[in-house]
Amino acid sequence: MKINKILSVGCSNTVGVNLEEEIGIFGYLRKQFTEPYDKDLDDKVNQYRKENNFSTLISKHFNSECINLGVSGASNERIIYTATNFLEKEDVDLVLINLSGQARQTFQHISGKIFDLDLSYTTEHLYEQAKITDKGFTEFIDFYKDYLMTYYVTHEKQINLYKYICLYLENKKIPYLISQTVPTDFKLSDFTDKSIDITFDEYNEKAGRKRAIGNHWLSDSHKAWSEILIYKIKELYGTEFVSHKDI
């Protein structure tokens, strides 16, 4: 199968957050929410992330164009709907769905702003990240976290999202591979054989790779993850069968 264009959708791991620590830039994710915009710094960070994240490395391997629509903090709902919205307008040869945490929720403010919050823990930067200053916002989020984060939200809804993206891609006859960047309660192979069960976090932790100070993964981890995804892509769609002990 010839791969000319790859769509990759996911969260901060797909973006390549914290890779910039390798060129001496620390705490940039937080600065994006708390400090004035710095175009030169932003361009420098984004270029380094683009060159070294696993999506780009996979595209380089196949000598293909990479469309990376990763969004830091994205929920699975946002990841899946971002992918389907794009695919209703444009064709690609391969889709990489890189799912995130099951407690992340997507909201839209009346202004039109869309934001994601991980409601599995309490932290003040959730409110900073959303950049919503309306009266009652923090109380709403606290109420949602304390009373509305039910089994339906964290499990039943997630299962239906997993089923939906698999059925959508199968129906569209688009080659795809689904993976998870962080551990969840779900095994992807229960939904599709076009998946990898080990997560990005588990794969790198198992190998003893070092995290960035910002807690994401560095370029050696992105390179290793790109290799296991390439193996699986070739197994599913290539002319040669490639096995790997971790798949």
Protein backbone atom coordinates (compact mmCIF):
# COMPACT_ATOMS: atom_id res chain seq x y z
CA MET A 1 0.00 0.00 0.00
CA LYS A 2 1.36 3.40 -0.98
CA ILE A 3 0.91 6.00 1.74
CA ASN A 4 1.01 9.57 0.43
CA LYS A 5 -0.91 11.38 3.18
CA ILE A 6 -1.29 10.52 6.87
CA LEU A 7 -3.77 12.09 9.29
CA SER A 8 -2.72 11.86 12.94
CA VAL A 9 -5.08 13.01 15.69
CA GLY A 10 -4.52 12.91 19.44
CA CYS A 11 -3.55 14.88 22.53
CA SER A 12 -0.30 16.46 23.77
CA ASN A 13 1.68 13.29 23.06
CA THR A 14 0.69 13.55 19.40
CA VAL A 15 1.66 17.24 19.42
CA GLY A 16 5.04 16.40 20.98
CA VAL A 17 4.69 18.53 24.10
CA ASN A 18 7.92 18.85 26.16
CA LEU A 19 10.19 17.82 23.28
CA GLU A 20 11.38 21.43 23.38
CA GLU A 21 13.13 20.69 26.67
CA GLU A 22 15.86 19.12 24.52
CA ILE A 23 16.68 22.60 23.20
CA GLY A 24 16.54 24.26 26.61
CA ILE A 25 12.91 25.47 26.69
CA PHE A 26 11.10 24.47 29.88
CA GLY A 27 7.56 25.04 31.13
CA TYR A 28 6.26 26.14 27.75
CA LEU A 29 2.88 24.41 28.06
CA ARG A 30 2.06 26.43 31.18
CA LYS A 31 3.40 29.64 29.61
CA GLN A 32 0.90 29.27 26.78
CA PHE A 33 -1.92 29.76 29.29
CA THR A 34 -0.37 32.35 31.61
CA GLU A 35 1.98 34.60 29.60
CA PRO A 36 1.67 36.93 26.58
CA TYR A 37 2.08 35.34 23.16
CA ASP A 38 5.68 35.19 21.90
CA LYS A 39 5.66 34.35 18.18
CA ASP A 40 9.41 33.65 17.86
CA LEU A 41 9.38 31.28 20.82
CA ASP A 42 6.16 29.67 19.63
CA ASP A 43 7.62 29.08 16.15
CA LYS A 44 10.79 27.60 17.61
CA VAL A 45 8.89 25.22 19.89
CA ASN A 46 6.41 24.14 17.23
CA GLN A 47 9.14 23.49 14.68
CA TYR A 48 11.13 21.28 17.07
CA ARG A 49 8.00 19.39 18.11
CA LYS A 50 6.99 18.93 14.48
CA GLU A 51 10.37 17.53 13.50
CA ASN A 52 10.58 15.03 16.37
CA ASN A 53 7.10 13.78 17.26
CA PHE A 54 6.16 10.21 16.39
CA SER A 55 3.60 11.21 13.72
CA THR A 56 6.27 13.04 11.71
CA LEU A 57 8.71 10.15 12.12
CA ILE A 58 6.12 7.71 10.75
CA SER A 59 5.44 10.01 7.80
CA LYS A 60 9.15 10.31 7.07
CA HIS A 61 9.45 6.53 7.04
CA PHE A 62 6.73 6.28 4.39
CA ASN A 63 7.89 9.44 2.59
CA SER A 64 4.41 10.88 3.04
CA GLU A 65 2.72 14.13 4.04
CA CYS A 66 1.70 14.38 7.69
CA ILE A 67 -1.37 16.26 8.84
CA ASN A 68 -1.06 16.47 12.61
CA LEU A 69 -4.26 17.68 14.29
CA GLY A 70 -3.19 16.88 17.84
CA VAL A 71 -4.46 19.21 20.58
CA SER A 72 -2.92 19.35 24.05
CA GLY A 73 -5.33 17.94 26.62
CA ALA A 74 -7.80 16.69 24.02
CA SER A 75 -10.49 14.28 25.16
CA ASN A 76 -11.33 11.17 23.17
CA GLU A 77 -14.54 12.84 22.06
CA ARG A 78 -12.57 15.75 20.63
CA ILE A 79 -9.95 13.49 19.04
CA ILE A 80 -12.57 11.35 17.30
CA TYR A 81 -14.76 14.24 16.15
CA THR A 82 -11.69 16.16 14.91
CA ALA A 83 -10.78 13.14 12.79
CA THR A 84 -14.26 12.56 11.39
CA ASN A 85 -14.83 16.24 10.64
CA PHE A 86 -11.58 16.36 8.68
CA LEU A 87 -12.30 13.13 6.83
CA GLU A 88 -15.68 14.40 5.68
CA LYS A 89 -13.80 17.07 3.70
CA GLU A 90 -10.48 15.52 2.68
CA ASP A 91 -9.06 12.13 1.70
CA VAL A 92 -6.01 10.53 3.28
CA ASP A 93 -4.27 7.18 2.87
CA LEU A 94 -3.87 6.35 6.56
CA VAL A 95 -5.40 7.57 9.82
CA LEU A 96 -3.65 7.39 13.19
CA ILE A 97 -6.09 7.74 16.08
CA ASN A 98 -4.08 8.29 19.27
CA LEU A 99 -6.61 8.14 22.11
CA SER A 100 -6.14 9.80 25.50
CA GLY A 101 -7.57 9.60 29.03
CA GLN A 102 -11.13 8.48 29.72
CA ALA A 103 -11.79 11.23 32.30
CA ARG A 104 -11.12 14.09 29.88
CA GLN A 105 -14.21 16.04 28.89
CA THR A 106 -14.80 18.57 26.11
CA PHE A 107 -16.87 21.70 26.67
CA GLN A 108 -17.92 24.60 24.49
CA HIS A 109 -18.41 28.06 25.99
CA ILE A 110 -21.21 30.31 24.73
CA SER A 111 -18.51 32.39 23.02
CA GLY A 112 -17.72 29.39 20.81
CA LYS A 113 -14.46 28.52 22.56
CA ILE A 114 -13.90 24.75 22.85
CA PHE A 115 -11.74 23.45 25.68
CA ASP A 116 -10.93 20.13 27.35
CA LEU A 117 -10.52 19.40 31.05
CA ASP A 118 -9.25 16.27 32.78
CA LEU A 119 -11.63 15.93 35.69
CA SER A 120 -9.91 12.96 37.30
CA TYR A 121 -7.87 15.24 39.55
CA THR A 122 -8.02 18.69 41.19
CA THR A 123 -5.62 21.39 40.06
CA GLU A 124 -5.88 25.16 39.71
CA HIS A 125 -4.33 25.14 36.24
CA LEU A 126 -7.52 23.53 34.91
CA TYR A 127 -9.18 26.90 35.27
CA GLU A 128 -6.21 28.77 33.79
CA GLN A 129 -6.14 26.38 30.84
CA ALA A 130 -9.79 26.97 30.02
CA LYS A 131 -9.37 30.77 30.15
CA ILE A 132 -12.99 31.16 31.17
CA THR A 133 -13.53 34.00 33.67
CA ASP A 134 -17.33 34.01 33.91
CA LYS A 135 -18.85 34.02 37.38
CA GLY A 136 -19.71 30.52 38.51
CA PHE A 137 -17.32 28.72 36.14
CA THR A 138 -15.09 27.17 38.80
CA GLU A 139 -18.14 26.13 40.80
CA PHE A 140 -19.64 24.50 37.69
CA ILE A 141 -16.45 22.52 37.03
CA ASP A 142 -16.25 21.45 40.67
CA PHE A 143 -19.89 20.35 40.58
CA TYR A 144 -19.34 18.46 37.32
CA LYS A 145 -16.28 16.72 38.75
CA ASP A 146 -17.94 15.83 42.06
CA TYR A 147 -21.42 14.82 40.85
CA LEU A 148 -21.47 14.19 37.10
CA MET A 149 -18.31 12.12 36.52
CA THR A 150 -20.26 8.89 36.55
CA TYR A 151 -19.64 5.43 35.14
CA TYR A 152 -21.61 6.47 32.07
CA VAL A 153 -19.18 9.33 31.36
CA THR A 154 -15.93 7.49 32.05
CA HIS A 155 -16.90 4.08 30.67
CA GLU A 156 -20.12 3.68 28.68
CA LYS A 157 -19.62 6.91 26.73
CA GLN A 158 -15.98 6.03 26.06
CA ILE A 159 -16.87 2.54 24.84
CA ASN A 160 -19.40 4.01 22.43
CA LEU A 161 -16.82 6.50 21.15
CA TYR A 162 -14.36 3.64 20.53
CA LYS A 163 -17.02 1.67 18.66
CA TYR A 164 -18.06 4.73 16.68
CA ILE A 165 -14.61 5.59 15.31
CA CYS A 166 -13.94 1.97 14.33
CA LEU A 167 -17.29 1.68 12.53
CA TYR A 168 -16.81 5.06 10.86
CA LEU A 169 -13.37 4.23 9.48
CA GLU A 170 -14.42 0.75 8.40
CA ASN A 171 -17.46 2.16 6.63
CA LYS A 172 -15.33 4.78 4.87
CA LYS A 173 -12.82 2.05 3.96
CA ILE A 174 -9.93 4.18 5.23
CA PRO A 175 -6.85 2.31 6.48
CA TYR A 176 -6.26 3.15 10.13
CA LEU A 177 -4.43 2.29 13.32
CA ILE A 178 -5.72 3.10 16.80
CA SER A 179 -3.51 3.38 19.86
CA GLN A 180 -3.72 4.86 23.35
CA THR A 181 -1.15 7.26 24.73
CA VAL A 182 -2.13 6.84 28.40
CA PRO A 183 -3.43 3.80 30.30
CA THR A 184 -7.21 3.34 30.50
CA ASP A 185 -9.62 0.61 31.56
CA PHE A 186 -10.02 -0.51 27.94
CA LYS A 187 -8.25 -2.97 25.68
CA LEU A 188 -8.30 -1.72 22.10
CA SER A 189 -8.18 -5.20 20.58
CA ASP A 190 -11.68 -5.73 22.02
CA PHE A 191 -12.86 -3.19 19.45
CA THR A 192 -10.62 -3.76 16.42
CA ASP A 193 -7.59 -5.71 15.27
CA LYS A 194 -6.25 -2.47 13.75
CA SER A 195 -4.83 -1.46 17.10
CA ILE A 196 -2.02 -1.82 19.60
CA ASP A 197 -2.91 -2.70 23.18
CA ILE A 198 0.20 -1.40 24.93
CA THR A 199 0.00 2.37 25.49
CA PHE A 200 2.62 5.01 24.71
CA ASP A 201 3.20 5.52 28.46
CA GLU A 202 3.42 1.80 29.26
CA TYR A 203 5.73 1.11 26.30
CA ASN A 204 8.24 3.74 27.36
CA GLU A 205 8.01 3.00 31.07
CA LYS A 206 8.60 -0.68 30.35
CA ALA A 207 11.79 0.22 28.48
CA GLY A 208 12.96 2.55 31.28
CA ARG A 209 13.00 5.66 29.12
CA LYS A 210 13.23 9.03 30.81
CA ARG A 211 10.37 11.48 30.94
CA ALA A 212 10.78 15.21 30.38
CA ILE A 213 10.62 17.50 33.40
CA GLY A 214 7.14 18.42 32.18
CA ASN A 215 6.24 14.69 32.43
CA HIS A 216 5.81 13.99 28.70
CA TRP A 217 8.20 11.90 26.61
CA LEU A 218 11.39 12.92 24.84
CA SER A 219 12.58 12.20 21.29
CA ASP A 220 14.00 8.74 22.02
CA SER A 221 10.54 7.67 23.21
CA HIS A 222 8.84 9.19 20.17
CA LYS A 223 11.30 7.37 17.91
CA ALA A 224 10.68 4.03 19.65
CA TRP A 225 6.90 4.52 19.54
CA SER A 226 7.00 5.42 15.85
CA GLU A 227 8.85 2.18 15.16
CA ILE A 228 6.27 -0.05 16.85
CA LEU A 229 3.46 1.77 14.99
CA ILE A 230 5.32 1.37 11.68
CA TYR A 231 5.67 -2.37 12.36
CA LYS A 232 1.94 -2.66 12.95
CA ILE A 233 1.07 -0.58 9.87
CA LYS A 234 3.21 -2.85 7.71
CA GLU A 235 1.67 -5.92 9.27
CA LEU A 236 -1.83 -4.66 8.52
CA TYR A 237 -1.35 -3.04 5.14
CA GLY A 238 2.12 -3.78 3.78
CA THR A 239 3.29 -6.55 1.48
CA GLU A 240 5.54 -8.04 4.13
CA PHE A 241 4.52 -9.48 7.47
CA VAL A 242 6.39 -7.85 10.31
CA SER A 243 6.08 -9.24 13.81
CA HIS A 244 7.04 -7.47 16.99
CA LYS A 245 7.23 -8.87 20.50
CA ASP A 246 5.34 -5.93 22.01
CA ILE A 247 2.34 -6.01 19.67
